[in-house]
Amino acid sequence: MRALSGPPTPGARENDAWAALFEREILERRPTPRFVGQDELTFRHALLREGAYAMLTDRDRRLGHRLAAEWLLQAGEQDPMVLAEHFERGGETARAAEFYLQAAEEAQRAADGPAVLARARRGIACEPAGEVLAKLHNVLSEQLFHMDDLAQSSTHALAALESSSPGSDQHRIAMAFGLLVATHTEDRQVARDLVQRMPPADLPLDRWQVAVTFTTFAFYALLREGMPDLARRYLQRIEQDVAPIMGDDHTAGASVAAMRAWWYAHAERDEWAARQQYRAAIDHVEGLGNRFGMQMMRMYAALDELMLGAFELAGQSVDALFAEEHAPAYVLLTALSFRIMGLLEQRRVTDAEEQAESMLRRASVSNSFAHVAQARLLLSECRLKRGDLLGAEEEVRAVGDTARLVPFLQSVRLSLLAEIWLRQGRAAEAVALAREAFALERSTACFFVLRQEVVPVLLAEALHENGEVEAAREVLREARAELLARADKIADPAYRRSFLENIAAHARTLELARAWLDA
């Protein structure tokens, strides 16, 4: 109040005036003030507050809000929304935008998507410039990506690029978001163009926190895009130059552990090592109290449990994600695909088909090409498992422009067509498709879905059916050796058993190897 009203007038009986306001029940003291050593006063009735506010001139309102904002800031106000609104109403829009940005980031950590959007948009409406504007656009781009609104996510990534200086922190982060969105919309040319603009040598190691943030998004996008060699160069740069100096920073620790986990899981197919890194990432995120980060890490950890054949544990993790309040659409759609994969492996085909149809409906609403394509490929697998070969092929054909598919989805599509044609007696054509899928798996298709495990044994079966028995045996011999080498890395006997026995492609590989190689 003193900041608003100025020093007391000499001779005025100020205490009597305050006492009268309390006695007439116009004002009251809050029993628990927010600031130590300060009395906190409030109007007793909302109508009185609104009436008093309406009596002020516009100029006085602006001045009052500006003075209130400055006093609250000095007093230690912790709620950035309170500060943002006072600064905005006080005409200090540039400062208001900074606090709206802080408020949006706070909502992001709390996994409150609608609040993130509302606060970041209010910040942009304040018409800031430079890095603050770019960062607000980047916050919106990331949030909209996780809500599966890829078109708007891309729009804000481009706006961040336009409003930031080339080489700046926010410019690099906007490029990483743009790449991530491009790989999910299957805009392959945009993805390739962005990759050329961000070599690992250009990471800003003097601002290593930015380098880690940038690399985290770019790294995952590069693995999806089927560029593991470039992804590895980024990871090596972080391992060599950042990891030794980041100390106990939980944000950086979570990001680096997540990148290590992705590398083990998707590039090296070492699910056990990935599991250990996911646990480390989750520990870091818990240390931050970051609810959104926890949802993301648990989603990835659920996939790893699935890849280890621990279907019950993976299912529990997926169910927990669906029970979360404000879980982003991207997390839910991705987790739904994991549920479908698990149901297929457990031969619950009817349940899997119902869930795949639900995924297709959800993905179609959000217009996410990648999720629509994956839903159709999962539906194809459902129909293949119940013997509907025509229905299975129809779903594969409905995927659309195959050139837009990232390599692992191209591999899945080819393997499904190969199995359909093999069952139709078209062995030679099945061999050609299976070879193409196999070549993708050996070159660019990083490991993201269980269907990819089918490719080696499917190629062996197609070769055998086509009369190429020795070639089939050689493929199977190599597949068994690789499978057992992966299993040998799993320290827990129960997980090793579930990996070899619960995943249908693994069990089939070992079964055929016993029949063809050990007889």
Protein backbone atom coordinates (compact mmCIF):
# COMPACT_ATOMS: atom_id res chain seq x y z
CA MET A 1 0.00 0.00 0.00
CA ARG A 2 2.83 2.41 0.81
CA ALA A 3 4.26 1.84 -2.69
CA LEU A 4 0.92 2.82 -4.18
CA SER A 5 -0.04 5.73 -1.91
CA GLY A 6 3.36 7.24 -1.17
CA PRO A 7 4.55 8.57 2.23
CA PRO A 8 1.92 9.53 4.82
CA THR A 9 0.62 13.10 4.80
CA PRO A 10 1.96 15.09 7.83
CA GLY A 11 -0.70 15.44 10.50
CA ALA A 12 -3.10 12.99 8.86
CA ARG A 13 -4.66 10.45 11.23
CA GLU A 14 -3.83 7.48 9.00
CA ASN A 15 -4.34 4.80 11.64
CA ASP A 16 -7.86 6.07 12.29
CA ALA A 17 -8.63 5.87 8.57
CA TRP A 18 -7.44 2.27 8.38
CA ALA A 19 -9.36 1.35 11.51
CA ALA A 20 -12.53 2.76 10.01
CA LEU A 21 -12.12 0.67 6.84
CA PHE A 22 -11.73 -2.48 8.93
CA GLU A 23 -14.63 -1.56 11.22
CA ARG A 24 -16.97 -0.96 8.28
CA GLU A 25 -15.88 -4.37 6.83
CA ILE A 26 -14.50 -2.83 3.66
CA LEU A 27 -11.03 -4.34 4.20
CA GLU A 28 -9.75 -7.37 6.11
CA ARG A 29 -6.38 -8.90 6.93
CA ARG A 30 -5.48 -12.27 5.48
CA PRO A 31 -4.64 -14.64 8.34
CA THR A 32 -1.58 -16.03 6.54
CA PRO A 33 0.28 -13.34 4.55
CA ARG A 34 2.47 -14.49 1.66
CA PHE A 35 5.41 -12.27 2.60
CA VAL A 36 7.23 -12.44 5.93
CA GLY A 37 6.87 -9.32 8.06
CA GLN A 38 4.07 -7.87 5.94
CA ASP A 39 0.36 -7.47 6.65
CA GLU A 40 -1.70 -8.57 3.67
CA LEU A 41 -4.96 -6.68 3.18
CA THR A 42 -7.84 -7.57 0.87
CA PHE A 43 -11.28 -6.23 0.11
CA ARG A 44 -13.86 -8.10 2.13
CA HIS A 45 -16.28 -8.25 -0.81
CA ALA A 46 -15.52 -8.58 -4.53
CA LEU A 47 -18.09 -5.92 -5.47
CA LEU A 48 -16.29 -3.35 -3.33
CA ARG A 49 -12.98 -4.20 -4.95
CA GLU A 50 -14.45 -3.93 -8.45
CA GLY A 51 -16.16 -0.64 -7.61
CA ALA A 52 -12.99 0.91 -6.22
CA TYR A 53 -11.02 -0.28 -9.28
CA ALA A 54 -13.59 1.21 -11.65
CA MET A 55 -13.21 4.64 -10.00
CA LEU A 56 -9.56 4.86 -11.05
CA THR A 57 -8.57 6.61 -14.28
CA ASP A 58 -6.79 4.54 -16.94
CA ARG A 59 -3.57 6.36 -16.16
CA ASP A 60 -3.87 5.64 -12.44
CA ARG A 61 -4.66 1.98 -13.10
CA ARG A 62 -1.53 1.59 -15.23
CA LEU A 63 0.57 3.34 -12.62
CA GLY A 64 -0.93 1.24 -9.81
CA HIS A 65 -0.25 -2.04 -11.61
CA ARG A 66 3.31 -1.01 -12.46
CA LEU A 67 4.06 0.01 -8.87
CA ALA A 68 2.44 -3.20 -7.57
CA ALA A 69 4.52 -5.31 -9.96
CA GLU A 70 7.77 -3.64 -8.87
CA TRP A 71 6.93 -4.03 -5.18
CA LEU A 72 5.91 -7.68 -5.58
CA LEU A 73 9.07 -8.43 -7.51
CA GLN A 74 11.25 -6.92 -4.77
CA ALA A 75 9.22 -8.67 -2.06
CA GLY A 76 9.92 -12.06 -3.64
CA GLU A 77 6.66 -12.91 -5.42
CA GLN A 78 7.02 -16.50 -6.73
CA ASP A 79 4.06 -16.66 -9.11
CA PRO A 80 5.16 -15.39 -12.55
CA MET A 81 1.53 -15.06 -13.68
CA VAL A 82 0.85 -12.49 -10.96
CA LEU A 83 3.87 -10.46 -12.06
CA ALA A 84 3.08 -10.86 -15.77
CA GLU A 85 -0.48 -9.59 -15.38
CA HIS A 86 0.54 -6.59 -13.28
CA PHE A 87 3.31 -5.63 -15.71
CA GLU A 88 0.98 -6.06 -18.70
CA ARG A 89 -1.76 -3.92 -17.14
CA GLY A 90 0.90 -1.42 -16.13
CA GLY A 91 1.95 -1.01 -19.77
CA GLU A 92 5.32 -2.77 -19.29
CA THR A 93 4.58 -5.35 -21.99
CA ALA A 94 8.18 -6.37 -22.67
CA ARG A 95 8.66 -7.31 -19.00
CA ALA A 96 5.22 -8.94 -18.94
CA ALA A 97 6.26 -11.20 -21.83
CA GLU A 98 9.29 -12.42 -19.87
CA PHE A 99 7.10 -13.44 -16.94
CA TYR A 100 4.49 -15.05 -19.21
CA LEU A 101 7.39 -17.09 -20.60
CA GLN A 102 8.39 -18.15 -17.08
CA ALA A 103 4.76 -19.03 -16.34
CA ALA A 104 4.49 -21.11 -19.53
CA GLU A 105 7.66 -23.03 -18.66
CA GLU A 106 6.33 -23.63 -15.15
CA ALA A 107 3.10 -25.07 -16.60
CA GLN A 108 5.16 -27.20 -18.98
CA ARG A 109 7.03 -28.79 -16.09
CA ALA A 110 3.68 -29.48 -14.43
CA ALA A 111 2.38 -31.15 -17.65
CA ASP A 112 -0.50 -28.64 -17.85
CA GLY A 113 -0.75 -28.33 -21.63
CA PRO A 114 -3.71 -25.90 -21.83
CA ALA A 115 -1.98 -23.53 -19.39
CA VAL A 116 1.25 -23.68 -21.44
CA LEU A 117 -0.63 -22.62 -24.58
CA ALA A 118 -2.61 -19.87 -22.87
CA ARG A 119 0.39 -18.34 -21.11
CA ALA A 120 2.77 -18.49 -24.08
CA ARG A 121 0.14 -16.94 -26.35
CA ARG A 122 -0.44 -14.12 -23.86
CA GLY A 123 3.32 -13.55 -23.90
CA ILE A 124 3.37 -13.31 -27.70
CA ALA A 125 0.40 -10.91 -27.58
CA CYS A 126 2.63 -8.54 -25.57
CA GLU A 127 4.69 -8.18 -28.78
CA PRO A 128 8.17 -8.92 -27.40
CA ALA A 129 11.15 -9.14 -29.71
CA GLY A 130 14.31 -11.16 -30.18
CA GLU A 131 15.15 -14.14 -28.01
CA VAL A 132 12.12 -13.77 -25.70
CA LEU A 133 9.76 -13.93 -28.68
CA ALA A 134 11.71 -16.86 -30.15
CA LYS A 135 11.62 -18.74 -26.86
CA LEU A 136 7.85 -18.25 -26.54
CA HIS A 137 7.44 -19.68 -30.04
CA ASN A 138 9.72 -22.59 -29.15
CA VAL A 139 7.69 -23.35 -26.02
CA LEU A 140 4.52 -23.39 -28.14
CA SER A 141 6.19 -25.51 -30.81
CA GLU A 142 7.24 -28.15 -28.28
CA GLN A 143 3.88 -28.19 -26.49
CA LEU A 144 1.87 -28.41 -29.72
CA PHE A 145 4.12 -31.23 -30.90
CA HIS A 146 3.30 -33.21 -27.79
CA MET A 147 -0.39 -32.43 -28.29
CA ASP A 148 0.01 -33.88 -31.82
CA ASP A 149 -0.86 -30.59 -33.54
CA LEU A 150 2.07 -30.91 -35.89
CA ALA A 151 1.01 -28.21 -38.35
CA GLN A 152 0.88 -25.53 -35.64
CA SER A 153 4.03 -26.90 -34.03
CA SER A 154 5.84 -26.43 -37.34
CA THR A 155 4.41 -22.90 -37.71
CA HIS A 156 5.80 -21.84 -34.34
CA ALA A 157 9.18 -23.48 -34.99
CA LEU A 158 9.45 -21.44 -38.19
CA ALA A 159 8.38 -18.29 -36.32
CA ALA A 160 11.11 -18.96 -33.74
CA LEU A 161 13.66 -19.27 -36.55
CA GLU A 162 12.51 -15.97 -38.06
CA SER A 163 12.57 -14.06 -34.76
CA SER A 164 15.96 -15.30 -33.55
CA SER A 165 19.46 -14.59 -34.76
CA PRO A 166 21.27 -17.37 -36.69
CA GLY A 167 23.65 -19.13 -34.33
CA SER A 168 21.74 -18.03 -31.22
CA ASP A 169 20.52 -20.47 -28.58
CA GLN A 170 16.87 -20.19 -29.58
CA HIS A 171 17.70 -20.45 -33.28
CA ARG A 172 19.41 -23.79 -32.70
CA ILE A 173 16.55 -25.07 -30.54
CA ALA A 174 14.02 -24.00 -33.20
CA MET A 175 15.98 -25.99 -35.80
CA ALA A 176 15.87 -29.05 -33.54
CA PHE A 177 12.09 -28.69 -33.07
CA GLY A 178 11.67 -28.21 -36.81
CA LEU A 179 13.61 -31.41 -37.46
CA LEU A 180 11.59 -33.34 -34.88
CA VAL A 181 8.30 -32.17 -36.41
CA ALA A 182 9.53 -32.90 -39.95
CA THR A 183 10.36 -36.50 -39.08
CA HIS A 184 6.88 -37.01 -37.59
CA THR A 185 5.05 -35.38 -40.50
CA GLU A 186 7.33 -37.40 -42.80
CA ASP A 187 8.46 -34.23 -44.58
CA ARG A 188 11.69 -35.90 -45.56
CA GLN A 189 13.13 -33.03 -47.62
CA VAL A 190 12.70 -30.48 -44.83
CA ALA A 191 14.30 -32.93 -42.41
CA ARG A 192 17.31 -33.43 -44.67
CA ASP A 193 17.69 -29.68 -45.25
CA LEU A 194 17.67 -28.96 -41.50
CA VAL A 195 20.23 -31.68 -40.84
CA GLN A 196 22.67 -29.93 -43.16
CA ARG A 197 22.36 -26.74 -41.09
CA MET A 198 23.39 -28.18 -37.71
CA PRO A 199 26.66 -30.10 -37.72
CA PRO A 200 27.92 -31.49 -34.37
CA ALA A 201 31.02 -29.30 -34.61
CA ASP A 202 28.81 -26.21 -34.20
CA LEU A 203 27.46 -27.14 -30.75
CA PRO A 204 27.88 -24.11 -28.42
CA LEU A 205 29.94 -25.74 -25.69
CA ASP A 206 30.42 -22.42 -23.89
CA ARG A 207 26.65 -22.71 -23.22
CA TRP A 208 26.53 -26.43 -22.64
CA GLN A 209 22.97 -26.45 -21.25
CA VAL A 210 21.75 -25.17 -24.64
CA ALA A 211 23.95 -27.73 -26.41
CA VAL A 212 22.30 -30.53 -24.42
CA THR A 213 18.75 -29.23 -25.06
CA PHE A 214 19.41 -28.85 -28.78
CA THR A 215 21.10 -32.23 -29.10
CA THR A 216 18.34 -34.08 -27.22
CA PHE A 217 15.69 -33.13 -29.78
CA ALA A 218 17.99 -33.45 -32.78
CA PHE A 219 19.35 -36.83 -31.64
CA TYR A 220 15.94 -38.52 -31.37
CA ALA A 221 14.84 -37.02 -34.69
CA LEU A 222 17.97 -38.31 -36.43
CA LEU A 223 17.37 -41.85 -35.14
CA ARG A 224 13.79 -41.75 -36.44
CA GLU A 225 15.05 -40.39 -39.74
CA GLY A 226 17.40 -43.35 -40.08
CA MET A 227 20.64 -41.40 -39.65
CA PRO A 228 22.35 -43.25 -36.77
CA ASP A 229 25.90 -42.30 -37.86
CA LEU A 230 25.17 -38.58 -37.52
CA ALA A 231 23.23 -39.17 -34.29
CA ARG A 232 26.25 -40.99 -32.86
CA ARG A 233 28.51 -38.05 -33.66
CA TYR A 234 26.24 -35.75 -31.64
CA LEU A 235 26.21 -38.17 -28.73
CA GLN A 236 29.99 -38.53 -28.83
CA ARG A 237 30.38 -34.75 -28.72
CA ILE A 238 28.12 -34.53 -25.66
CA GLU A 239 29.88 -37.47 -23.97
CA GLN A 240 33.36 -36.05 -24.58
CA ASP A 241 32.82 -32.33 -24.00
CA VAL A 242 29.69 -31.86 -21.89
CA ALA A 243 29.15 -34.90 -19.64
CA PRO A 244 32.46 -34.35 -17.75
CA ILE A 245 31.52 -30.75 -16.81
CA MET A 246 27.75 -30.89 -16.19
CA GLY A 247 28.09 -31.99 -12.53
CA ASP A 248 24.83 -32.83 -10.76
CA ASP A 249 22.60 -30.74 -13.05
CA HIS A 250 19.41 -32.83 -13.14
CA THR A 251 18.11 -31.34 -16.41
CA ALA A 252 21.29 -32.15 -18.30
CA GLY A 253 21.63 -35.50 -16.52
CA ALA A 254 18.12 -36.55 -17.58
CA SER A 255 18.76 -35.51 -21.20
CA VAL A 256 22.11 -37.27 -21.48
CA ALA A 257 20.76 -40.46 -19.86
CA ALA A 258 17.78 -40.38 -22.26
CA MET A 259 20.09 -40.03 -25.28
CA ARG A 260 22.21 -42.94 -24.07
CA ALA A 261 19.04 -45.01 -23.60
CA TRP A 262 17.77 -44.15 -27.08
CA TRP A 263 21.11 -45.09 -28.58
CA TYR A 264 21.20 -48.46 -26.83
CA ALA A 265 17.54 -49.21 -27.60
CA HIS A 266 17.15 -47.93 -31.15
CA ALA A 267 20.65 -48.18 -32.67
CA GLU A 268 22.43 -50.99 -30.81
CA ARG A 269 19.31 -53.02 -29.88
CA ASP A 270 20.67 -53.49 -26.37
CA GLU A 271 17.43 -53.27 -24.41
CA TRP A 272 19.02 -54.12 -21.07
CA ALA A 273 21.56 -51.29 -21.23
CA ALA A 274 18.75 -48.98 -22.33
CA ARG A 275 16.72 -50.00 -19.30
CA GLN A 276 19.51 -48.94 -16.94
CA GLN A 277 19.79 -45.54 -18.64
CA TYR A 278 16.02 -44.97 -18.54
CA ARG A 279 16.10 -45.61 -14.80
CA ALA A 280 18.90 -43.03 -14.46
CA ALA A 281 16.90 -40.52 -16.52
CA ILE A 282 13.81 -41.09 -14.35
CA ASP A 283 15.88 -40.50 -11.19
CA HIS A 284 17.04 -37.16 -12.59
CA VAL A 285 13.52 -36.12 -13.61
CA GLU A 286 12.22 -37.02 -10.14
CA GLY A 287 14.91 -34.77 -8.71
CA LEU A 288 13.53 -31.92 -10.81
CA GLY A 289 9.90 -32.60 -9.90
CA ASN A 290 9.14 -32.34 -13.63
CA ARG A 291 5.80 -34.08 -14.21
CA PHE A 292 5.90 -33.72 -17.99
CA GLY A 293 9.44 -35.09 -18.18
CA MET A 294 8.34 -38.01 -16.02
CA GLN A 295 5.51 -38.84 -18.44
CA MET A 296 7.94 -38.85 -21.36
CA MET A 297 10.55 -41.00 -19.61
CA ARG A 298 7.94 -43.51 -18.45
CA MET A 299 6.61 -43.72 -21.98
CA TYR A 300 10.04 -44.61 -23.34
CA ALA A 301 10.69 -47.02 -20.46
CA ALA A 302 7.39 -48.79 -21.27
CA LEU A 303 8.63 -49.40 -24.82
CA ASP A 304 11.83 -50.89 -23.45
CA GLU A 305 9.87 -53.27 -21.20
CA LEU A 306 7.89 -54.27 -24.29
CA MET A 307 11.08 -54.94 -26.26
CA LEU A 308 12.27 -57.17 -23.40
CA GLY A 309 9.07 -59.22 -23.58
CA ALA A 310 7.84 -57.98 -20.18
CA PHE A 311 4.33 -57.36 -21.51
CA GLU A 312 2.58 -57.19 -18.14
CA LEU A 313 4.96 -54.52 -16.83
CA ALA A 314 4.75 -52.58 -20.08
CA GLY A 315 0.95 -52.74 -19.90
CA GLN A 316 0.94 -51.40 -16.36
CA SER A 317 3.13 -48.48 -17.41
CA VAL A 318 0.84 -47.68 -20.33
CA ASP A 319 -2.24 -47.84 -18.11
CA ALA A 320 -0.57 -45.43 -15.67
CA LEU A 321 0.06 -42.96 -18.50
CA PHE A 322 -3.59 -43.07 -19.54
CA ALA A 323 -4.57 -42.36 -15.94
CA GLU A 324 -2.45 -39.19 -15.89
CA GLU A 325 -4.23 -35.85 -15.93
CA HIS A 326 -3.30 -33.63 -18.90
CA ALA A 327 -1.12 -36.31 -20.54
CA PRO A 328 -0.24 -34.94 -24.03
CA ALA A 329 -1.84 -36.49 -27.12
CA TYR A 330 1.56 -37.54 -28.47
CA VAL A 331 2.30 -39.48 -25.29
CA LEU A 332 -1.14 -41.14 -25.33
CA LEU A 333 -1.06 -42.08 -29.03
CA THR A 334 2.47 -43.45 -28.73
CA ALA A 335 1.58 -45.36 -25.55
CA LEU A 336 -1.51 -46.73 -27.32
CA SER A 337 0.71 -48.14 -30.08
CA PHE A 338 2.76 -49.91 -27.37
CA ARG A 339 -0.44 -51.39 -25.90
CA ILE A 340 -1.43 -52.74 -29.34
CA MET A 341 2.00 -54.30 -29.88
CA GLY A 342 1.79 -56.01 -26.51
CA LEU A 343 -1.71 -57.34 -27.21
CA LEU A 344 -0.56 -58.74 -30.56
CA GLU A 345 2.36 -60.51 -28.92
CA GLN A 346 -0.03 -62.02 -26.36
CA ARG A 347 -2.29 -63.20 -29.23
CA ARG A 348 -5.18 -61.03 -28.05
CA VAL A 349 -5.93 -60.12 -31.63
CA THR A 350 -9.52 -58.90 -31.17
CA ASP A 351 -8.48 -56.56 -28.36
CA ALA A 352 -5.51 -55.35 -30.41
CA GLU A 353 -7.73 -54.66 -33.43
CA GLU A 354 -10.19 -52.61 -31.36
CA GLN A 355 -7.33 -50.55 -29.93
CA ALA A 356 -5.75 -50.07 -33.38
CA GLU A 357 -9.06 -48.77 -34.77
CA SER A 358 -9.23 -46.37 -31.82
CA MET A 359 -5.69 -45.22 -32.53
CA LEU A 360 -6.55 -44.63 -36.18
CA ARG A 361 -9.55 -42.48 -35.23
CA ARG A 362 -7.52 -40.43 -32.76
CA ALA A 363 -4.60 -39.98 -35.13
CA SER A 364 -6.91 -38.97 -38.00
CA VAL A 365 -8.39 -36.17 -35.88
CA SER A 366 -4.94 -34.76 -35.17
CA ASN A 367 -3.88 -35.26 -38.81
CA SER A 368 -0.60 -36.89 -37.76
CA PHE A 369 0.71 -38.77 -40.80
CA ALA A 370 3.16 -40.84 -38.76
CA HIS A 371 0.55 -41.99 -36.23
CA VAL A 372 -2.06 -42.62 -38.95
CA ALA A 373 0.48 -44.70 -40.88
CA GLN A 374 1.50 -46.66 -37.79
CA ALA A 375 -2.14 -47.29 -36.84
CA ARG A 376 -2.87 -48.67 -40.31
CA LEU A 377 0.21 -50.90 -40.20
CA LEU A 378 -0.86 -52.23 -36.80
CA LEU A 379 -4.37 -52.86 -38.15
CA SER A 380 -2.78 -54.73 -41.06
CA GLU A 381 -0.86 -56.91 -38.61
CA CYS A 382 -4.07 -57.61 -36.66
CA ARG A 383 -5.87 -58.75 -39.82
CA LEU A 384 -2.88 -60.78 -40.92
CA LYS A 385 -2.90 -62.65 -37.60
CA ARG A 386 -6.54 -63.61 -37.98
CA GLY A 387 -6.02 -64.75 -41.58
CA ASP A 388 -7.67 -61.84 -43.41
CA LEU A 389 -4.99 -61.42 -46.09
CA LEU A 390 -7.03 -59.09 -48.29
CA GLY A 391 -7.93 -56.86 -45.35
CA ALA A 392 -4.30 -56.82 -44.24
CA GLU A 393 -3.11 -55.75 -47.68
CA GLU A 394 -5.80 -53.07 -47.93
CA GLU A 395 -4.54 -51.45 -44.73
CA VAL A 396 -0.94 -51.49 -46.00
CA ARG A 397 -2.02 -49.86 -49.27
CA ALA A 398 -4.07 -47.25 -47.37
CA VAL A 399 -0.90 -45.88 -45.75
CA GLY A 400 -0.44 -43.64 -48.79
CA ASP A 401 2.78 -42.08 -50.03
CA THR A 402 5.45 -44.58 -48.96
CA ALA A 403 8.24 -42.13 -49.77
CA ARG A 404 7.12 -40.08 -46.75
CA LEU A 405 7.62 -42.97 -44.32
CA VAL A 406 10.66 -42.96 -42.05
CA PRO A 407 12.90 -46.02 -42.55
CA PHE A 408 11.57 -48.16 -39.69
CA LEU A 409 7.98 -47.75 -40.91
CA GLN A 410 9.12 -48.54 -44.46
CA SER A 411 10.63 -51.75 -43.09
CA VAL A 412 7.38 -52.62 -41.28
CA ARG A 413 5.34 -52.00 -44.43
CA LEU A 414 7.63 -54.18 -46.56
CA SER A 415 7.64 -57.00 -44.00
CA LEU A 416 3.84 -57.04 -43.83
CA LEU A 417 3.48 -57.21 -47.61
CA ALA A 418 6.15 -59.91 -47.76
CA GLU A 419 4.31 -62.06 -45.21
CA ILE A 420 0.97 -61.53 -46.95
CA TRP A 421 2.42 -62.57 -50.29
CA LEU A 422 4.25 -65.52 -48.75
CA ARG A 423 0.93 -66.81 -47.36
CA GLN A 424 -0.63 -66.30 -50.78
CA GLY A 425 2.01 -68.58 -52.32
CA ARG A 426 3.95 -65.76 -54.02
CA ALA A 427 7.30 -66.82 -52.57
CA ALA A 428 9.60 -65.14 -55.10
CA GLU A 429 7.86 -61.77 -54.65
CA ALA A 430 7.91 -62.24 -50.88
CA VAL A 431 11.68 -62.85 -50.99
CA ALA A 432 12.24 -59.60 -52.89
CA LEU A 433 10.26 -57.56 -50.36
CA ALA A 434 11.79 -59.31 -47.36
CA ARG A 435 15.28 -58.68 -48.74
CA GLU A 436 14.45 -54.99 -49.13
CA ALA A 437 13.18 -54.81 -45.54
CA PHE A 438 16.26 -56.72 -44.34
CA ALA A 439 18.57 -54.27 -46.14
CA LEU A 440 16.78 -51.35 -44.48
CA GLU A 441 17.20 -52.98 -41.08
CA ARG A 442 20.92 -53.37 -41.71
CA SER A 443 21.44 -49.82 -42.94
CA THR A 444 19.12 -47.04 -41.83
CA ALA A 445 16.09 -48.45 -40.00
CA CYS A 446 16.68 -47.91 -36.30
CA PHE A 447 14.68 -50.20 -34.00
CA PHE A 448 11.39 -48.68 -32.81
CA VAL A 449 8.67 -51.37 -33.04
CA LEU A 450 8.41 -55.09 -32.36
CA ARG A 451 7.35 -55.88 -35.94
CA GLN A 452 10.95 -55.20 -37.00
CA GLU A 453 12.02 -58.33 -35.08
CA VAL A 454 10.12 -60.42 -37.64
CA VAL A 455 12.24 -59.39 -40.64
CA PRO A 456 15.19 -61.89 -40.43
CA VAL A 457 13.09 -64.98 -39.73
CA LEU A 458 10.54 -63.90 -42.35
CA LEU A 459 13.30 -63.61 -44.95
CA ALA A 460 14.55 -67.07 -43.99
CA GLU A 461 11.04 -68.55 -44.36
CA ALA A 462 10.49 -66.84 -47.72
CA LEU A 463 13.85 -68.09 -49.05
CA HIS A 464 13.10 -71.61 -47.84
CA GLU A 465 9.65 -71.58 -49.46
CA ASN A 466 11.23 -70.31 -52.71
CA GLY A 467 13.63 -73.28 -52.79
CA GLU A 468 16.70 -71.32 -51.67
CA VAL A 469 17.36 -73.62 -48.74
CA GLU A 470 21.05 -72.88 -48.11
CA ALA A 471 20.47 -69.15 -48.27
CA ALA A 472 17.57 -69.56 -45.81
CA ARG A 473 19.78 -71.50 -43.42
CA GLU A 474 22.52 -68.87 -43.59
CA VAL A 475 20.08 -66.04 -42.81
CA LEU A 476 18.65 -68.05 -39.92
CA ARG A 477 22.09 -68.95 -38.57
CA GLU A 478 23.06 -65.27 -38.49
CA ALA A 479 19.68 -64.28 -36.96
CA ARG A 480 20.02 -66.82 -34.14
CA ALA A 481 23.59 -65.77 -33.37
CA GLU A 482 22.59 -62.09 -33.16
CA LEU A 483 19.54 -62.89 -31.04
CA LEU A 484 21.52 -64.95 -28.53
CA ALA A 485 24.25 -62.28 -28.38
CA ARG A 486 21.59 -59.71 -27.48
CA ALA A 487 20.12 -62.05 -24.88
CA ASP A 488 23.55 -62.60 -23.31
CA LYS A 489 23.65 -58.89 -22.41
CA ILE A 490 20.53 -59.23 -20.23
CA ALA A 491 21.73 -59.74 -16.66
CA ASP A 492 18.38 -60.73 -15.15
CA PRO A 493 17.44 -64.40 -15.95
CA ALA A 494 13.69 -63.64 -15.89
CA TYR A 495 14.07 -60.83 -18.39
CA ARG A 496 16.36 -62.96 -20.56
CA ARG A 497 13.73 -65.69 -20.62
CA SER A 498 10.90 -63.29 -21.45
CA PHE A 499 13.04 -61.75 -24.22
CA LEU A 500 13.65 -65.13 -25.87
CA GLU A 501 10.30 -66.81 -25.19
CA ASN A 502 7.59 -64.16 -25.05
CA ILE A 503 8.42 -62.30 -28.26
CA ALA A 504 6.95 -64.39 -31.07
CA ALA A 505 9.66 -63.60 -33.65
CA HIS A 506 12.39 -64.65 -31.21
CA ALA A 507 10.67 -67.90 -30.29
CA ARG A 508 10.08 -68.63 -33.99
CA THR A 509 13.73 -67.94 -34.82
CA LEU A 510 14.94 -70.41 -32.19
CA GLU A 511 12.31 -72.99 -33.16
CA LEU A 512 13.26 -72.91 -36.86
CA ALA A 513 16.98 -72.94 -36.02
CA ARG A 514 16.51 -76.15 -34.04
CA ALA A 515 14.62 -77.70 -36.97
CA TRP A 516 16.82 -76.48 -39.82
CA LEU A 517 20.27 -76.17 -38.29
CA ASP A 518 20.47 -78.60 -35.39
CA ALA A 519 18.61 -81.59 -36.79
